[in-house]
Amino acid sequence: MLKIGNMDGARVERLGALAAHVVEHALASGLSWDEAILAFGIAAKAIAARAADQGAGSVEHCAALAERRLKSGMEQSAGVLRAWLD
């Protein structure tokens, strides 16, 4: 099971389902795997900018948090998504 900090089970389920959805769409996009990864970085920055617009902090603060969260996600085992991808 995916474990992220002190997230409750329902949030973990939503996170895993979203990650699986993203993987499926990335693989079907026609992009190479590394181009898809680049798209994730761009999307993370866009989400951070939207969060800043909604009052979550400065663009720089939100982008730095997004970068840390992306790195944290890279530390997770991809095997946890098998339940959602099967």
Protein backbone atom coordinates (compact mmCIF):
# COMPACT_ATOMS: atom_id res chain seq x y z
CA MET A 1 0.00 0.00 0.00
CA LEU A 2 1.10 3.51 -0.80
CA LYS A 3 2.14 5.46 2.29
CA ILE A 4 2.58 9.21 2.16
CA GLY A 5 3.34 10.85 5.48
CA ASN A 6 0.28 10.84 7.69
CA MET A 7 -2.32 10.80 4.88
CA ASP A 8 -5.52 8.95 5.65
CA GLY A 9 -6.56 5.95 3.59
CA ALA A 10 -9.13 7.82 1.48
CA ARG A 11 -6.56 10.42 0.40
CA VAL A 12 -4.05 7.68 -0.39
CA GLU A 13 -6.68 5.94 -2.54
CA ARG A 14 -7.37 9.16 -4.47
CA LEU A 15 -3.65 9.83 -4.89
CA GLY A 16 -3.02 6.32 -6.22
CA ALA A 17 -5.99 6.49 -8.57
CA LEU A 18 -4.84 9.85 -9.94
CA ALA A 19 -1.27 8.60 -10.38
CA ALA A 20 -2.51 5.52 -12.24
CA HIS A 21 -4.73 7.69 -14.45
CA VAL A 22 -1.77 9.94 -15.27
CA VAL A 23 0.43 6.94 -16.10
CA GLU A 24 -2.19 5.45 -18.42
CA HIS A 25 -2.65 8.76 -20.26
CA ALA A 26 1.09 9.38 -20.47
CA LEU A 27 1.66 5.96 -22.03
CA ALA A 28 -1.16 6.54 -24.52
CA SER A 29 -0.01 10.07 -25.42
CA GLY A 30 2.49 9.08 -28.08
CA LEU A 31 5.26 10.88 -26.20
CA SER A 32 8.44 9.12 -25.20
CA TRP A 33 8.67 8.30 -21.51
CA ASP A 34 11.16 11.11 -20.90
CA GLU A 35 8.98 13.63 -22.74
CA ALA A 36 6.08 12.55 -20.52
CA ILE A 37 8.24 13.18 -17.45
CA LEU A 38 9.01 16.68 -18.77
CA ALA A 39 5.25 17.25 -19.10
CA PHE A 40 4.78 16.25 -15.44
CA GLY A 41 7.30 18.89 -14.39
CA ILE A 42 5.55 21.54 -16.46
CA ALA A 43 2.20 20.47 -15.03
CA ALA A 44 3.60 20.66 -11.49
CA LYS A 45 4.72 24.24 -12.10
CA ALA A 46 1.33 25.13 -13.55
CA ILE A 47 -0.46 23.62 -10.54
CA ALA A 48 1.87 25.55 -8.23
CA ALA A 49 1.12 28.79 -10.08
CA ARG A 50 -2.62 28.14 -9.76
CA ALA A 51 -2.20 27.42 -6.04
CA ALA A 52 -0.32 30.72 -5.65
CA ASP A 53 -3.13 32.53 -7.49
CA GLN A 54 -5.56 31.01 -4.97
CA GLY A 55 -3.57 32.30 -2.00
CA ALA A 56 -1.39 29.33 -1.08
CA GLY A 57 1.74 31.50 -1.06
CA SER A 58 4.04 33.14 -3.55
CA VAL A 59 4.69 31.50 -6.90
CA GLU A 60 8.25 30.82 -5.78
CA HIS A 61 7.12 29.22 -2.51
CA CYS A 62 4.53 27.03 -4.24
CA ALA A 63 6.99 26.03 -7.00
CA ALA A 64 9.61 25.06 -4.40
CA LEU A 65 7.05 22.95 -2.54
CA ALA A 66 6.00 21.34 -5.82
CA GLU A 67 9.61 20.43 -6.55
CA ARG A 68 10.04 18.88 -3.11
CA ARG A 69 6.82 16.89 -3.52
CA LEU A 70 7.91 15.66 -6.95
CA LYS A 71 11.17 14.46 -5.44
CA SER A 72 9.25 12.81 -2.60
CA GLY A 73 7.08 11.05 -5.15
CA MET A 74 10.18 9.77 -6.93
CA GLU A 75 11.21 8.12 -3.66
CA GLN A 76 8.04 6.00 -3.65
CA SER A 77 7.96 2.54 -5.17
CA ALA A 78 6.20 2.44 -8.52
CA GLY A 79 5.01 -1.03 -7.55
CA VAL A 80 2.33 0.50 -5.37
CA LEU A 81 0.40 1.50 -8.49
CA ARG A 82 -0.11 -2.08 -9.63
CA ALA A 83 -3.40 -2.28 -7.75
CA TRP A 84 -4.76 0.61 -9.81
CA LEU A 85 -3.19 -0.38 -13.14
CA ASP A 86 -4.29 -4.03 -13.23
